[in-house]
């Protein structure tokens, strides 16, 4: 492999794994709240 290919490989790996690490970090700091569905009261009961 040429030097250019190795540099592009390293840049690609850093972008992908860096994005994954950033996503995990942000989700740990601000976890998503689960959406709750409100069930309407049963009018017949």
N, C-alpha and C. Protein backbone atom coordinates (compact mmCIF):
# COMPACT_ATOMS: atom_id res chain seq x y z
N UNK A 1 0.85 -1.18 0.00
CA UNK A 1 0.00 0.00 0.00
C UNK A 1 0.89 1.24 0.00
N UNK A 2 0.40 2.25 -0.67
CA UNK A 2 1.18 3.49 -0.74
C UNK A 2 0.95 4.31 0.53
N UNK A 3 1.76 5.32 0.70
CA UNK A 3 1.65 6.17 1.89
C UNK A 3 0.33 6.92 1.89
N UNK A 4 -0.14 7.34 0.72
CA UNK A 4 -1.42 8.04 0.63
C UNK A 4 -2.59 7.16 1.07
N UNK A 5 -2.53 5.88 0.68
CA UNK A 5 -3.59 4.95 1.07
C UNK A 5 -3.59 4.72 2.57
N UNK A 6 -2.42 4.64 3.17
CA UNK A 6 -2.33 4.42 4.62
C UNK A 6 -2.86 5.65 5.36
N UNK A 7 -2.53 6.83 4.88
CA UNK A 7 -3.02 8.05 5.51
C UNK A 7 -4.54 8.12 5.42
N UNK A 8 -5.10 7.81 4.25
CA UNK A 8 -6.56 7.82 4.09
C UNK A 8 -7.22 6.77 4.98
N UNK A 9 -6.58 5.61 5.13
CA UNK A 9 -7.10 4.56 6.01
C UNK A 9 -7.14 5.04 7.45
N UNK A 10 -6.07 5.67 7.90
CA UNK A 10 -6.01 6.17 9.27
C UNK A 10 -7.05 7.25 9.50
N UNK A 11 -7.21 8.16 8.54
CA UNK A 11 -8.21 9.23 8.67
C UNK A 11 -9.61 8.63 8.74
N UNK A 12 -9.90 7.65 7.90
CA UNK A 12 -11.22 7.01 7.89
C UNK A 12 -11.51 6.30 9.21
N UNK A 13 -10.53 5.59 9.73
CA UNK A 13 -10.71 4.88 10.99
C UNK A 13 -10.94 5.86 12.13
N UNK A 14 -10.20 6.94 12.15
CA UNK A 14 -10.36 7.94 13.21
C UNK A 14 -11.74 8.58 13.13
N UNK A 15 -12.22 8.87 11.93
CA UNK A 15 -13.55 9.47 11.79
C UNK A 15 -14.63 8.52 12.27
N UNK A 16 -14.57 7.26 11.84
CA UNK A 16 -15.62 6.29 12.21
C UNK A 16 -15.60 6.02 13.71
N UNK A 17 -14.44 5.65 14.26
CA UNK A 17 -14.37 5.31 15.68
C UNK A 17 -14.53 6.55 16.55
N UNK A 18 -14.06 7.69 16.07
CA UNK A 18 -14.26 8.93 16.82
C UNK A 18 -15.73 9.31 16.91
N UNK A 19 -16.45 9.11 15.81
CA UNK A 19 -17.89 9.37 15.83
C UNK A 19 -18.62 8.44 16.77
N UNK A 20 -18.22 7.18 16.78
CA UNK A 20 -18.83 6.23 17.71
C UNK A 20 -18.55 6.62 19.15
N UNK A 21 -17.32 6.98 19.44
CA UNK A 21 -16.96 7.38 20.81
C UNK A 21 -17.71 8.64 21.21
N UNK A 22 -17.84 9.60 20.29
CA UNK A 22 -18.56 10.83 20.60
C UNK A 22 -20.04 10.55 20.85
N UNK A 23 -20.64 9.66 20.08
CA UNK A 23 -22.04 9.31 20.28
C UNK A 23 -22.26 8.64 21.63
N UNK A 24 -21.38 7.72 21.99
CA UNK A 24 -21.50 7.06 23.30
C UNK A 24 -21.33 8.07 24.42
N UNK A 25 -20.36 8.96 24.28
CA UNK A 25 -20.11 9.98 25.31
C UNK A 25 -21.34 10.88 25.48
N UNK A 26 -21.91 11.34 24.37
CA UNK A 26 -23.06 12.24 24.47
C UNK A 26 -24.29 11.53 25.02
N UNK A 27 -24.49 10.25 24.65
CA UNK A 27 -25.64 9.52 25.18
C UNK A 27 -25.48 9.23 26.66
N UNK A 28 -24.26 9.06 27.12
CA UNK A 28 -24.05 8.85 28.55
C UNK A 28 -24.29 10.13 29.34
N UNK A 29 -23.95 11.28 28.75
CA UNK A 29 -24.16 12.56 29.43
C UNK A 29 -25.63 12.96 29.43
N UNK A 30 -26.32 12.72 28.31
CA UNK A 30 -27.72 13.10 28.17
C UNK A 30 -28.50 11.92 27.59
N UNK A 31 -28.87 10.96 28.43
CA UNK A 31 -29.58 9.78 27.90
C UNK A 31 -30.96 10.17 27.37
N UNK A 32 -31.38 9.47 26.34
CA UNK A 32 -32.69 9.73 25.77
C UNK A 32 -33.76 9.17 26.71
N UNK A 33 -34.80 9.96 26.91
CA UNK A 33 -35.91 9.51 27.74
C UNK A 33 -36.82 8.64 26.88
N UNK A 34 -37.24 7.49 27.38
CA UNK A 34 -38.14 6.66 26.58
C UNK A 34 -39.49 7.34 26.43
N UNK A 35 -40.04 7.24 25.23
CA UNK A 35 -41.35 7.83 24.99
C UNK A 35 -42.41 6.90 25.56
N UNK A 36 -43.31 7.47 26.34
CA UNK A 36 -44.40 6.67 26.91
C UNK A 36 -45.67 7.00 26.16
N UNK A 37 -46.40 5.97 25.83
CA UNK A 37 -47.67 6.16 25.15
C UNK A 37 -48.75 6.26 26.21
N UNK A 38 -49.53 7.33 26.11
CA UNK A 38 -50.62 7.48 27.07
C UNK A 38 -51.82 6.69 26.56
N UNK A 39 -52.27 5.77 27.39
CA UNK A 39 -53.41 4.95 27.03
C UNK A 39 -54.66 5.64 27.57
N UNK A 40 -55.63 5.93 26.70
CA UNK A 40 -56.83 6.60 27.18
C UNK A 40 -57.63 5.70 28.13
N UNK A 41 -58.28 6.34 29.07
CA UNK A 41 -59.09 5.59 30.04
C UNK A 41 -60.24 4.90 29.32
N UNK A 42 -60.58 3.72 29.81
CA UNK A 42 -61.66 2.94 29.21
C UNK A 42 -63.00 3.54 29.60
N UNK A 43 -63.74 4.14 28.65
CA UNK A 43 -65.01 4.79 29.01
C UNK A 43 -66.10 3.79 29.40
N UNK A 44 -65.97 2.53 28.99
CA UNK A 44 -67.00 1.53 29.30
C UNK A 44 -66.80 0.94 30.68
N UNK A 45 -65.66 1.16 31.26
CA UNK A 45 -65.36 0.43 32.47
C UNK A 45 -65.36 1.25 33.65
